[in-house]
């Protein structure tokens, strides 16, 4: 059945620590990417744990939350929604130099 939920959670933790390392190293674009990846893997672990089937190969955090039936406080849902919108731009930047201007320490710190 692929990865077990615990493996998803271990990888999510590793990715979050990677995000922290990147933030300290001022690699803000990829800090955001790794935060998204960490949340995604956590949700996929929850999906597999709750539904007892492999999670879909998607990156949409909101889709996963809805499929799991996870109820979140509004502020947490809004934060995850913001992070979700950044998935594609941080994964495949059109212009890295421009993106680096948008993702400085202050702006990235609001997301992570």
PDB file of N, CA and C in Angstrom:
ATOM      1  N   UNK A   1       0.818  -1.199   0.000  1.00  0.00           N
ATOM      2  CA  UNK A   1       0.000   0.000   0.000  1.00  0.00           C
ATOM      3  C   UNK A   1       0.855   1.253   0.000  1.00  0.00           C
ATOM      4  N   UNK A   2       2.051   1.195  -0.478  1.00  0.00           N
ATOM      5  CA  UNK A   2       2.901   2.375  -0.501  1.00  0.00           C
ATOM      6  C   UNK A   2       3.385   2.740   0.885  1.00  0.00           C
ATOM      7  N   UNK A   3       3.675   4.006   1.068  1.00  0.00           N
ATOM      8  CA  UNK A   3       4.147   4.483   2.371  1.00  0.00           C
ATOM      9  C   UNK A   3       3.077   4.301   3.432  1.00  0.00           C
ATOM     10  N   UNK A   4       3.529   4.043   4.623  1.00  0.00           N
ATOM     11  CA  UNK A   4       2.608   3.999   5.764  1.00  0.00           C
ATOM     12  C   UNK A   4       2.476   5.425   6.308  1.00  0.00           C
ATOM     13  N   UNK A   5       1.385   5.715   7.006  1.00  0.00           N
ATOM     14  CA  UNK A   5       1.208   7.065   7.538  1.00  0.00           C
ATOM     15  C   UNK A   5       2.415   7.565   8.335  1.00  0.00           C
ATOM     16  N   UNK A   6       3.009   6.712   9.151  1.00  0.00           N
ATOM     17  CA  UNK A   6       4.157   7.150   9.946  1.00  0.00           C
ATOM     18  C   UNK A   6       5.299   7.631   9.056  1.00  0.00           C
ATOM     19  N   UNK A   7       5.496   6.985   7.924  1.00  0.00           N
ATOM     20  CA  UNK A   7       6.552   7.411   6.996  1.00  0.00           C
ATOM     21  C   UNK A   7       6.243   8.788   6.416  1.00  0.00           C
ATOM     22  N   UNK A   8       4.978   9.023   6.081  1.00  0.00           N
ATOM     23  CA  UNK A   8       4.589  10.360   5.610  1.00  0.00           C
ATOM     24  C   UNK A   8       4.923  11.407   6.678  1.00  0.00           C
ATOM     25  N   UNK A   9       4.602  11.092   7.936  1.00  0.00           N
ATOM     26  CA  UNK A   9       4.831  12.045   9.022  1.00  0.00           C
ATOM     27  C   UNK A   9       6.321  12.284   9.264  1.00  0.00           C
ATOM     28  N   UNK A  10       7.124  11.239   9.173  1.00  0.00           N
ATOM     29  CA  UNK A  10       8.582  11.393   9.328  1.00  0.00           C
ATOM     30  C   UNK A  10       9.146  12.292   8.240  1.00  0.00           C
ATOM     31  N   UNK A  11       8.686  12.069   7.009  1.00  0.00           N
ATOM     32  CA  UNK A  11       9.173  12.892   5.904  1.00  0.00           C
ATOM     33  C   UNK A  11       8.696  14.339   6.031  1.00  0.00           C
ATOM     34  N   UNK A  12       7.476  14.531   6.516  1.00  0.00           N
ATOM     35  CA  UNK A  12       6.954  15.884   6.732  1.00  0.00           C
ATOM     36  C   UNK A  12       7.808  16.624   7.755  1.00  0.00           C
ATOM     37  N   UNK A  13       8.188  15.938   8.812  1.00  0.00           N
ATOM     38  CA  UNK A  13       9.047  16.540   9.838  1.00  0.00           C
ATOM     39  C   UNK A  13      10.410  16.901   9.258  1.00  0.00           C
ATOM     40  N   UNK A  14      10.969  16.000   8.463  1.00  0.00           N
ATOM     41  CA  UNK A  14      12.264  16.253   7.819  1.00  0.00           C
ATOM     42  C   UNK A  14      12.172  17.479   6.901  1.00  0.00           C
ATOM     43  N   UNK A  15      11.088  17.561   6.142  1.00  0.00           N
ATOM     44  CA  UNK A  15      10.904  18.697   5.232  1.00  0.00           C
ATOM     45  C   UNK A  15      10.735  20.007   5.992  1.00  0.00           C
ATOM     46  N   UNK A  16      10.050  19.963   7.126  1.00  0.00           N
ATOM     47  CA  UNK A  16       9.892  21.174   7.928  1.00  0.00           C
ATOM     48  C   UNK A  16      11.244  21.638   8.472  1.00  0.00           C
ATOM     49  N   UNK A  17      12.054  20.703   8.919  1.00  0.00           N
ATOM     50  CA  UNK A  17      13.400  21.057   9.386  1.00  0.00           C
ATOM     51  C   UNK A  17      14.249  21.604   8.243  1.00  0.00           C
ATOM     52  N   UNK A  18      14.042  21.074   7.053  1.00  0.00           N
ATOM     53  CA  UNK A  18      14.740  21.594   5.871  1.00  0.00           C
ATOM     54  C   UNK A  18      14.298  23.032   5.605  1.00  0.00           C
ATOM     55  N   UNK A  19      13.002  23.301   5.747  1.00  0.00           N
ATOM     56  CA  UNK A  19      12.483  24.663   5.562  1.00  0.00           C
ATOM     57  C   UNK A  19      13.124  25.622   6.563  1.00  0.00           C
ATOM     58  N   UNK A  20      13.250  25.187   7.803  1.00  0.00           N
ATOM     59  CA  UNK A  20      13.888  26.028   8.824  1.00  0.00           C
ATOM     60  C   UNK A  20      15.351  26.318   8.455  1.00  0.00           C
ATOM     61  N   UNK A  21      16.030  25.309   7.970  1.00  0.00           N
ATOM     62  CA  UNK A  21      17.426  25.458   7.552  1.00  0.00           C
ATOM     63  C   UNK A  21      17.531  26.438   6.376  1.00  0.00           C
ATOM     64  N   UNK A  22      16.637  26.297   5.411  1.00  0.00           N
ATOM     65  CA  UNK A  22      16.640  27.195   4.258  1.00  0.00           C
ATOM     66  C   UNK A  22      16.326  28.635   4.672  1.00  0.00           C
ATOM     67  N   UNK A  23      15.400  28.794   5.623  1.00  0.00           N
ATOM     68  CA  UNK A  23      15.061  30.135   6.102  1.00  0.00           C
ATOM     69  C   UNK A  23      16.283  30.796   6.731  1.00  0.00           C
ATOM     70  N   UNK A  24      16.996  30.052   7.548  1.00  0.00           N
ATOM     71  CA  UNK A  24      18.210  30.594   8.173  1.00  0.00           C
ATOM     72  C   UNK A  24      19.262  30.935   7.120  1.00  0.00           C
ATOM     73  N   UNK A  25      19.276  30.179   6.031  1.00  0.00           N
ATOM     74  CA  UNK A  25      20.224  30.418   4.946  1.00  0.00           C
ATOM     75  C   UNK A  25      19.736  31.428   3.917  1.00  0.00           C
ATOM     76  N   UNK A  26      18.588  32.064   4.188  1.00  0.00           N
ATOM     77  CA  UNK A  26      18.009  33.106   3.344  1.00  0.00           C
ATOM     78  C   UNK A  26      17.582  32.602   1.968  1.00  0.00           C
ATOM     79  N   UNK A  27      17.205  31.345   1.903  1.00  0.00           N
ATOM     80  CA  UNK A  27      16.680  30.753   0.668  1.00  0.00           C
ATOM     81  C   UNK A  27      15.159  30.733   0.791  1.00  0.00           C
ATOM     82  N   UNK A  28      14.568  31.927   0.716  1.00  0.00           N
ATOM     83  CA  UNK A  28      13.177  32.110   1.084  1.00  0.00           C
ATOM     84  C   UNK A  28      12.179  31.457   0.125  1.00  0.00           C
ATOM     85  N   UNK A  29      12.454  31.501  -1.168  1.00  0.00           N
ATOM     86  CA  UNK A  29      11.538  30.878  -2.130  1.00  0.00           C
ATOM     87  C   UNK A  29      11.373  29.396  -1.805  1.00  0.00           C
ATOM     88  N   UNK A  30      12.479  28.727  -1.571  1.00  0.00           N
ATOM     89  CA  UNK A  30      12.420  27.296  -1.319  1.00  0.00           C
ATOM     90  C   UNK A  30      12.026  26.974   0.118  1.00  0.00           C
ATOM     91  N   UNK A  31      12.115  27.954   0.999  1.00  0.00           N
ATOM     92  CA  UNK A  31      11.548  27.793   2.339  1.00  0.00           C
ATOM     93  C   UNK A  31      10.045  27.594   2.221  1.00  0.00           C
ATOM     94  N   UNK A  32       9.416  28.445   1.429  1.00  0.00           N
ATOM     95  CA  UNK A  32       7.969  28.355   1.224  1.00  0.00           C
ATOM     96  C   UNK A  32       7.623  27.018   0.573  1.00  0.00           C
ATOM     97  N   UNK A  33       8.382  26.630  -0.431  1.00  0.00           N
ATOM     98  CA  UNK A  33       8.148  25.358  -1.107  1.00  0.00           C
ATOM     99  C   UNK A  33       8.213  24.181  -0.122  1.00  0.00           C
ATOM    100  N   UNK A  34       9.234  24.171   0.732  1.00  0.00           N
ATOM    101  CA  UNK A  34       9.393  23.065   1.673  1.00  0.00           C
ATOM    102  C   UNK A  34       8.309  23.073   2.749  1.00  0.00           C
ATOM    103  N   UNK A  35       7.837  24.242   3.138  1.00  0.00           N
ATOM    104  CA  UNK A  35       6.719  24.303   4.086  1.00  0.00           C
ATOM    105  C   UNK A  35       5.469  23.687   3.458  1.00  0.00           C
ATOM    106  N   UNK A  36       5.217  24.031   2.214  1.00  0.00           N
ATOM    107  CA  UNK A  36       4.082  23.455   1.503  1.00  0.00           C
ATOM    108  C   UNK A  36       4.230  21.936   1.439  1.00  0.00           C
ATOM    109  N   UNK A  37       5.421  21.468   1.095  1.00  0.00           N
ATOM    110  CA  UNK A  37       5.659  20.035   0.974  1.00  0.00           C
ATOM    111  C   UNK A  37       5.457  19.325   2.309  1.00  0.00           C
ATOM    112  N   UNK A  38       5.877  19.952   3.387  1.00  0.00           N
ATOM    113  CA  UNK A  38       5.701  19.373   4.711  1.00  0.00           C
ATOM    114  C   UNK A  38       4.218  19.218   5.063  1.00  0.00           C
ATOM    115  N   UNK A  39       3.439  20.253   4.806  1.00  0.00           N
ATOM    116  CA  UNK A  39       1.994  20.195   5.075  1.00  0.00           C
ATOM    117  C   UNK A  39       1.348  19.139   4.170  1.00  0.00           C
ATOM    118  N   UNK A  40       1.755  19.125   2.908  1.00  0.00           N
ATOM    119  CA  UNK A  40       1.207  18.151   1.955  1.00  0.00           C
ATOM    120  C   UNK A  40       1.445  16.714   2.437  1.00  0.00           C
ATOM    121  N   UNK A  41       2.641  16.414   2.872  1.00  0.00           N
ATOM    122  CA  UNK A  41       2.953  15.058   3.333  1.00  0.00           C
ATOM    123  C   UNK A  41       2.198  14.722   4.624  1.00  0.00           C
ATOM    124  N   UNK A  42       2.039  15.696   5.484  1.00  0.00           N
ATOM    125  CA  UNK A  42       1.247  15.466   6.695  1.00  0.00           C
ATOM    126  C   UNK A  42      -0.193  15.114   6.331  1.00  0.00           C
ATOM    127  N   UNK A  43      -0.762  15.889   5.407  1.00  0.00           N
ATOM    128  CA  UNK A  43      -2.136  15.630   4.988  1.00  0.00           C
ATOM    129  C   UNK A  43      -2.267  14.277   4.289  1.00  0.00           C
ATOM    130  N   UNK A  44      -1.267  13.906   3.528  1.00  0.00           N
ATOM    131  CA  UNK A  44      -1.315  12.599   2.863  1.00  0.00           C
ATOM    132  C   UNK A  44      -1.209  11.463   3.874  1.00  0.00           C
ATOM    133  N   UNK A  45      -0.429  11.668   4.912  1.00  0.00           N
ATOM    134  CA  UNK A  45      -0.379  10.673   5.988  1.00  0.00           C
ATOM    135  C   UNK A  45      -1.720  10.549   6.683  1.00  0.00           C
ATOM    136  N   UNK A  46      -2.363  11.686   6.955  1.00  0.00           N
ATOM    137  CA  UNK A  46      -3.683  11.676   7.574  1.00  0.00           C
ATOM    138  C   UNK A  46      -4.719  11.033   6.656  1.00  0.00           C
ATOM    139  N   UNK A  47      -4.611  11.334   5.370  1.00  0.00           N
ATOM    140  CA  UNK A  47      -5.513  10.759   4.373  1.00  0.00           C
ATOM    141  C   UNK A  47      -5.423   9.234   4.418  1.00  0.00           C
ATOM    142  N   UNK A  48      -4.209   8.719   4.377  1.00  0.00           N
ATOM    143  CA  UNK A  48      -4.014   7.272   4.369  1.00  0.00           C
ATOM    144  C   UNK A  48      -4.457   6.659   5.698  1.00  0.00           C
ATOM    145  N   UNK A  49      -4.159   7.343   6.780  1.00  0.00           N
ATOM    146  CA  UNK A  49      -4.526   6.844   8.102  1.00  0.00           C
ATOM    147  C   UNK A  49      -6.052   6.784   8.267  1.00  0.00           C
ATOM    148  N   UNK A  50      -6.719   7.842   7.828  1.00  0.00           N
ATOM    149  CA  UNK A  50      -8.164   7.938   8.031  1.00  0.00           C
ATOM    150  C   UNK A  50      -8.951   7.113   7.014  1.00  0.00           C
ATOM    151  N   UNK A  51      -8.536   7.158   5.748  1.00  0.00           N
ATOM    152  CA  UNK A  51      -9.314   6.523   4.690  1.00  0.00           C
ATOM    153  C   UNK A  51      -8.787   5.144   4.301  1.00  0.00           C
ATOM    154  N   UNK A  52      -7.630   4.774   4.853  1.00  0.00           N
ATOM    155  CA  UNK A  52      -7.018   3.476   4.595  1.00  0.00           C
ATOM    156  C   UNK A  52      -6.824   3.193   3.101  1.00  0.00           C
ATOM    157  N   UNK A  53      -6.414   4.230   2.375  1.00  0.00           N
ATOM    158  CA  UNK A  53      -6.061   4.054   0.968  1.00  0.00           C
ATOM    159  C   UNK A  53      -4.991   5.063   0.596  1.00  0.00           C
ATOM    160  N   UNK A  54      -4.316   4.798  -0.510  1.00  0.00           N
ATOM    161  CA  UNK A  54      -3.245   5.682  -0.943  1.00  0.00           C
ATOM    162  C   UNK A  54      -3.777   7.074  -1.237  1.00  0.00           C
ATOM    163  N   UNK A  55      -3.055   8.093  -0.817  1.00  0.00           N
ATOM    164  CA  UNK A  55      -3.503   9.451  -1.130  1.00  0.00           C
ATOM    165  C   UNK A  55      -3.305   9.738  -2.615  1.00  0.00           C
ATOM    166  N   UNK A  56      -4.119  10.616  -3.165  1.00  0.00           N
ATOM    167  CA  UNK A  56      -3.969  10.969  -4.580  1.00  0.00           C
ATOM    168  C   UNK A  56      -2.669  11.740  -4.814  1.00  0.00           C
ATOM    169  N   UNK A  57      -2.185  11.665  -6.018  1.00  0.00           N
ATOM    170  CA  UNK A  57      -0.951  12.373  -6.386  1.00  0.00           C
ATOM    171  C   UNK A  57      -1.305  13.804  -6.791  1.00  0.00           C
ATOM    172  N   UNK A  58      -1.632  14.578  -5.784  1.00  0.00           N
ATOM    173  CA  UNK A  58      -1.976  15.988  -5.981  1.00  0.00           C
ATOM    174  C   UNK A  58      -1.159  16.829  -5.008  1.00  0.00           C
ATOM    175  N   UNK A  59      -1.074  18.107  -5.306  1.00  0.00           N
ATOM    176  CA  UNK A  59      -0.352  19.040  -4.440  1.00  0.00           C
ATOM    177  C   UNK A  59      -1.300  20.038  -3.774  1.00  0.00           C
ATOM    178  N   UNK A  60      -2.578  19.926  -4.064  1.00  0.00           N
ATOM    179  CA  UNK A  60      -3.562  20.876  -3.576  1.00  0.00           C
ATOM    180  C   UNK A  60      -3.928  20.557  -2.124  1.00  0.00           C
ATOM    181  N   UNK A  61      -3.498  21.413  -1.225  1.00  0.00           N
ATOM    182  CA  UNK A  61      -3.719  21.198   0.201  1.00  0.00           C
ATOM    183  C   UNK A  61      -5.205  21.261   0.566  1.00  0.00           C
ATOM    184  N   UNK A  62      -5.929  22.159  -0.065  1.00  0.00           N
ATOM    185  CA  UNK A  62      -7.356  22.320   0.234  1.00  0.00           C
ATOM    186  C   UNK A  62      -8.121  21.062  -0.196  1.00  0.00           C
ATOM    187  N   UNK A  63      -7.781  20.535  -1.343  1.00  0.00           N
ATOM    188  CA  UNK A  63      -8.402  19.301  -1.822  1.00  0.00           C
ATOM    189  C   UNK A  63      -8.198  18.174  -0.807  1.00  0.00           C
ATOM    190  N   UNK A  64      -6.960  18.030  -0.318  1.00  0.00           N
ATOM    191  CA  UNK A  64      -6.671  16.981   0.657  1.00  0.00           C
ATOM    192  C   UNK A  64      -7.433  17.189   1.957  1.00  0.00           C
ATOM    193  N   UNK A  65      -7.481  18.419   2.421  1.00  0.00           N
ATOM    194  CA  UNK A  65      -8.226  18.740   3.649  1.00  0.00           C
ATOM    195  C   UNK A  65      -9.695  18.355   3.492  1.00  0.00           C
ATOM    196  N   UNK A  66     -10.272  18.697   2.338  1.00  0.00           N
ATOM    197  CA  UNK A  66     -11.682  18.381   2.098  1.00  0.00           C
ATOM    198  C   UNK A  66     -11.911  16.872   2.023  1.00  0.00           C
ATOM    199  N   UNK A  67     -11.030  16.151   1.354  1.00  0.00           N
ATOM    200  CA  UNK A  67     -11.180  14.701   1.221  1.00  0.00           C
ATOM    201  C   UNK A  67     -11.089  13.996   2.570  1.00  0.00           C
ATOM    202  N   UNK A  68     -10.224  14.501   3.430  1.00  0.00           N
ATOM    203  CA  UNK A  68     -10.056  13.922   4.764  1.00  0.00           C
ATOM    204  C   UNK A  68     -11.242  14.286   5.662  1.00  0.00           C
ATOM    205  N   UNK A  69     -11.881  15.411   5.358  1.00  0.00           N
ATOM    206  CA  UNK A  69     -12.959  15.902   6.210  1.00  0.00           C
ATOM    207  C   UNK A  69     -12.413  16.614   7.428  1.00  0.00           C
ATOM    208  N   UNK A  70     -11.238  17.200   7.265  1.00  0.00           N
ATOM    209  CA  UNK A  70     -10.557  17.874   8.366  1.00  0.00           C
ATOM    210  C   UNK A  70     -11.170  19.245   8.592  1.00  0.00           C
ATOM    211  N   UNK A  71     -11.553  19.517   9.831  1.00  0.00           N
ATOM    212  CA  UNK A  71     -12.091  20.828  10.187  1.00  0.00           C
ATOM    213  C   UNK A  71     -10.997  21.620  10.877  1.00  0.00           C
ATOM    214  N   UNK A  72     -10.719  22.799  10.355  1.00  0.00           N
ATOM    215  CA  UNK A  72      -9.647  23.641  10.885  1.00  0.00           C
ATOM    216  C   UNK A  72     -10.208  24.981  11.334  1.00  0.00           C
ATOM    217  N   UNK A  73      -9.583  25.592  12.328  1.00  0.00           N
ATOM    218  CA  UNK A  73      -9.964  26.968  12.678  1.00  0.00           C
ATOM    219  C   UNK A  73      -9.754  27.877  11.457  1.00  0.00           C
ATOM    220  N   UNK A  74     -10.559  28.912  11.363  1.00  0.00           N
ATOM    221  CA  UNK A  74     -10.503  29.796  10.192  1.00  0.00           C
ATOM    222  C   UNK A  74      -9.113  30.351   9.928  1.00  0.00           C
ATOM    223  N   UNK A  75      -8.409  30.780  10.973  1.00  0.00           N
ATOM    224  CA  UNK A  75      -7.094  31.381  10.751  1.00  0.00           C
ATOM    225  C   UNK A  75      -6.093  30.355  10.204  1.00  0.00           C
ATOM    226  N   UNK A  76      -6.172  29.106  10.658  1.00  0.00           N
ATOM    227  CA  UNK A  76      -5.292  28.061  10.144  1.00  0.00           C
ATOM    228  C   UNK A  76      -5.664  27.708   8.706  1.00  0.00           C
ATOM    229  N   UNK A  77      -6.960  27.629   8.426  1.00  0.00           N
ATOM    230  CA  UNK A  77      -7.400  27.350   7.067  1.00  0.00           C
ATOM    231  C   UNK A  77      -6.949  28.458   6.121  1.00  0.00           C
ATOM    232  N   UNK A  78      -7.058  29.712   6.542  1.00  0.00           N
ATOM    233  CA  UNK A  78      -6.620  30.841   5.716  1.00  0.00           C
ATOM    234  C   UNK A  78      -5.121  30.784   5.456  1.00  0.00           C
ATOM    235  N   UNK A  79      -4.343  30.436   6.472  1.00  0.00           N
ATOM    236  CA  UNK A  79      -2.890  30.321   6.321  1.00  0.00           C
ATOM    237  C   UNK A  79      -2.546  29.219   5.320  1.00  0.00           C
ATOM    238  N   UNK A  80      -3.202  28.067   5.448  1.00  0.00           N
ATOM    239  CA  UNK A  80      -2.944  26.959   4.516  1.00  0.00           C
ATOM    240  C   UNK A  80      -3.397  27.344   3.112  1.00  0.00           C
ATOM    241  N   UNK A  81      -4.485  28.077   2.984  1.00  0.00           N
ATOM    242  CA  UNK A  81      -4.941  28.537   1.664  1.00  0.00           C
ATOM    243  C   UNK A  81      -3.904  29.440   1.005  1.00  0.00           C
ATOM    244  N   UNK A  82      -3.329  30.331   1.796  1.00  0.00           N
ATOM    245  CA  UNK A  82      -2.280  31.211   1.259  1.00  0.00           C
ATOM    246  C   UNK A  82      -1.078  30.399   0.806  1.00  0.00           C
ATOM    247  N   UNK A  83      -0.664  29.459   1.620  1.00  0.00           N
ATOM    248  CA  UNK A  83       0.462  28.597   1.272  1.00  0.00           C
ATOM    249  C   UNK A  83       0.133  27.771   0.025  1.00  0.00           C
ATOM    250  N   UNK A  84      -1.087  27.309  -0.063  1.00  0.00           N
ATOM    251  CA  UNK A  84      -1.521  26.505  -1.207  1.00  0.00           C
ATOM    252  C   UNK A  84      -1.407  27.289  -2.517  1.00  0.00           C
ATOM    253  N   UNK A  85      -1.770  28.565  -2.485  1.00  0.00           N
ATOM    254  CA  UNK A  85      -1.708  29.403  -3.688  1.00  0.00           C
ATOM    255  C   UNK A  85      -0.271  29.586  -4.180  1.00  0.00           C
ATOM    256  N   UNK A  86       0.688  29.411  -3.292  1.00  0.00           N
ATOM    257  CA  UNK A  86       2.096  29.621  -3.657  1.00  0.00           C
ATOM    258  C   UNK A  86       2.776  28.355  -4.164  1.00  0.00           C
ATOM    259  N   UNK A  87       2.066  27.257  -4.197  1.00  0.00           N
ATOM    260  CA  UNK A  87       2.668  25.980  -4.574  1.00  0.00           C
ATOM    261  C   UNK A  87       3.320  26.032  -5.957  1.00  0.00           C
ATOM    262  N   UNK A  88       2.567  26.425  -6.951  1.00  0.00           N
ATOM    263  CA  UNK A  88       3.086  26.410  -8.323  1.00  0.00           C
ATOM    264  C   UNK A  88       4.162  27.484  -8.521  1.00  0.00           C
ATOM    265  N   UNK A  89       3.936  28.727  -8.098  1.00  0.00           N
ATOM    266  CA  UNK A  89       4.989  29.735  -8.315  1.00  0.00           C
ATOM    267  C   UNK A  89       6.323  29.389  -7.648  1.00  0.00           C
ATOM    268  N   UNK A  90       6.296  28.792  -6.463  1.00  0.00           N
ATOM    269  CA  UNK A  90       7.565  28.462  -5.811  1.00  0.00           C
ATOM    270  C   UNK A  90       8.159  27.172  -6.358  1.00  0.00           C
ATOM    271  N   UNK A  91       7.326  26.342  -6.913  1.00  0.00           N
ATOM    272  CA  UNK A  91       7.789  25.082  -7.505  1.00  0.00           C
ATOM    273  C   UNK A  91       8.454  25.336  -8.852  1.00  0.00           C
ATOM    274  N   UNK A  92       7.856  26.236  -9.628  1.00  0.00           N
ATOM    275  CA  UNK A  92       8.333  26.521 -10.981  1.00  0.00           C
ATOM    276  C   UNK A  92       8.376  28.036 -11.214  1.00  0.00           C
ATOM    277  N   UNK A  93       9.324  28.726 -10.598  1.00  0.00           N
ATOM    278  CA  UNK A  93       9.360  30.187 -10.749  1.00  0.00           C
ATOM    279  C   UNK A  93       9.540  30.615 -12.203  1.00  0.00           C
ATOM    280  N   UNK A  94       8.767  31.626 -12.600  1.00  0.00           N
ATOM    281  CA  UNK A  94       8.930  32.204 -13.936  1.00  0.00           C
ATOM    282  C   UNK A  94      10.240  32.992 -14.002  1.00  0.00           C
ATOM    283  N   UNK A  95      10.481  33.760 -12.969  1.00  0.00           N
ATOM    284  CA  UNK A  95      11.671  34.608 -12.926  1.00  0.00           C
ATOM    285  C   UNK A  95      12.186  34.586 -11.484  1.00  0.00           C
ATOM    286  N   UNK A  96      13.233  33.823 -11.263  1.00  0.00           N
ATOM    287  CA  UNK A  96      13.756  33.630  -9.909  1.00  0.00           C
ATOM    288  C   UNK A  96      14.144  34.947  -9.262  1.00  0.00           C
ATOM    289  N   UNK A  97      14.772  35.828 -10.012  1.00  0.00           N
ATOM    290  CA  UNK A  97      15.222  37.108  -9.450  1.00  0.00           C
ATOM    291  C   UNK A  97      14.027  37.930  -8.947  1.00  0.00           C
ATOM    292  N   UNK A  98      12.960  37.969  -9.731  1.00  0.00           N
ATOM    293  CA  UNK A  98      11.762  38.697  -9.312  1.00  0.00           C
ATOM    294  C   UNK A  98      11.123  38.039  -8.088  1.00  0.00           C
ATOM    295  N   UNK A  99      11.091  36.725  -8.102  1.00  0.00           N
ATOM    296  CA  UNK A  99      10.491  36.010  -6.988  1.00  0.00           C
ATOM    297  C   UNK A  99      11.288  36.249  -5.702  1.00  0.00           C
ATOM    298  N   UNK A 100      12.587  36.344  -5.821  1.00  0.00           N
ATOM    299  CA  UNK A 100      13.418  36.593  -4.642  1.00  0.00           C
ATOM    300  C   UNK A 100      13.110  37.950  -4.032  1.00  0.00           C
ATOM    301  N   UNK A 101      12.692  38.907  -4.855  1.00  0.00           N
ATOM    302  CA  UNK A 101      12.301  40.215  -4.331  1.00  0.00           C
ATOM    303  C   UNK A 101      11.017  40.089  -3.498  1.00  0.00           C
ATOM    304  N   UNK A 102      10.091  39.255  -3.964  1.00  0.00           N
ATOM    305  CA  UNK A 102       8.811  39.079  -3.277  1.00  0.00           C
ATOM    306  C   UNK A 102       8.945  38.274  -1.992  1.00  0.00           C
ATOM    307  N   UNK A 103       9.889  37.352  -1.976  1.00  0.00           N
ATOM    308  CA  UNK A 103      10.045  36.466  -0.826  1.00  0.00           C
ATOM    309  C   UNK A 103      11.293  36.840  -0.039  1.00  0.00           C
ATOM    310  N   UNK A 104      11.174  37.932   0.680  1.00  0.00           N
ATOM    311  CA  UNK A 104      12.267  38.341   1.557  1.00  0.00           C
ATOM    312  C   UNK A 104      12.004  37.752   2.952  1.00  0.00           C
ATOM    313  N   UNK A 105      12.850  38.083   3.871  1.00  0.00           N
ATOM    314  CA  UNK A 105      12.743  37.507   5.227  1.00  0.00           C
ATOM    315  C   UNK A 105      11.396  37.834   5.866  1.00  0.00           C
ATOM    316  N   UNK A 106      10.969  39.077   5.775  1.00  0.00           N
ATOM    317  CA  UNK A 106       9.715  39.488   6.415  1.00  0.00           C
ATOM    318  C   UNK A 106       8.502  38.804   5.800  1.00  0.00           C
ATOM    319  N   UNK A 107       8.417  38.811   4.477  1.00  0.00           N
ATOM    320  CA  UNK A 107       7.266  38.204   3.798  1.00  0.00           C
ATOM    321  C   UNK A 107       7.225  36.697   4.009  1.00  0.00           C
ATOM    322  N   UNK A 108       8.373  36.054   3.914  1.00  0.00           N
ATOM    323  CA  UNK A 108       8.424  34.612   4.106  1.00  0.00           C
ATOM    324  C   UNK A 108       8.128  34.265   5.564  1.00  0.00           C
ATOM    325  N   UNK A 109       8.626  35.085   6.474  1.00  0.00           N
ATOM    326  CA  UNK A 109       8.383  34.844   7.897  1.00  0.00           C
ATOM    327  C   UNK A 109       6.907  34.852   8.251  1.00  0.00           C
ATOM    328  N   UNK A 110       6.098  35.577   7.480  1.00  0.00           N
ATOM    329  CA  UNK A 110       4.655  35.598   7.705  1.00  0.00           C
ATOM    330  C   UNK A 110       4.009  34.276   7.325  1.00  0.00           C
ATOM    331  N   UNK A 111       4.656  33.547   6.429  1.00  0.00           N
ATOM    332  CA  UNK A 111       4.094  32.292   5.931  1.00  0.00           C
ATOM    333  C   UNK A 111       4.588  31.070   6.663  1.00  0.00           C
ATOM    334  N   UNK A 112       5.745  31.177   7.256  1.00  0.00           N
ATOM    335  CA  UNK A 112       6.330  29.976   7.873  1.00  0.00           C
ATOM    336  C   UNK A 112       6.370  30.076   9.375  1.00  0.00           C
TER     337      UNK A 112
END
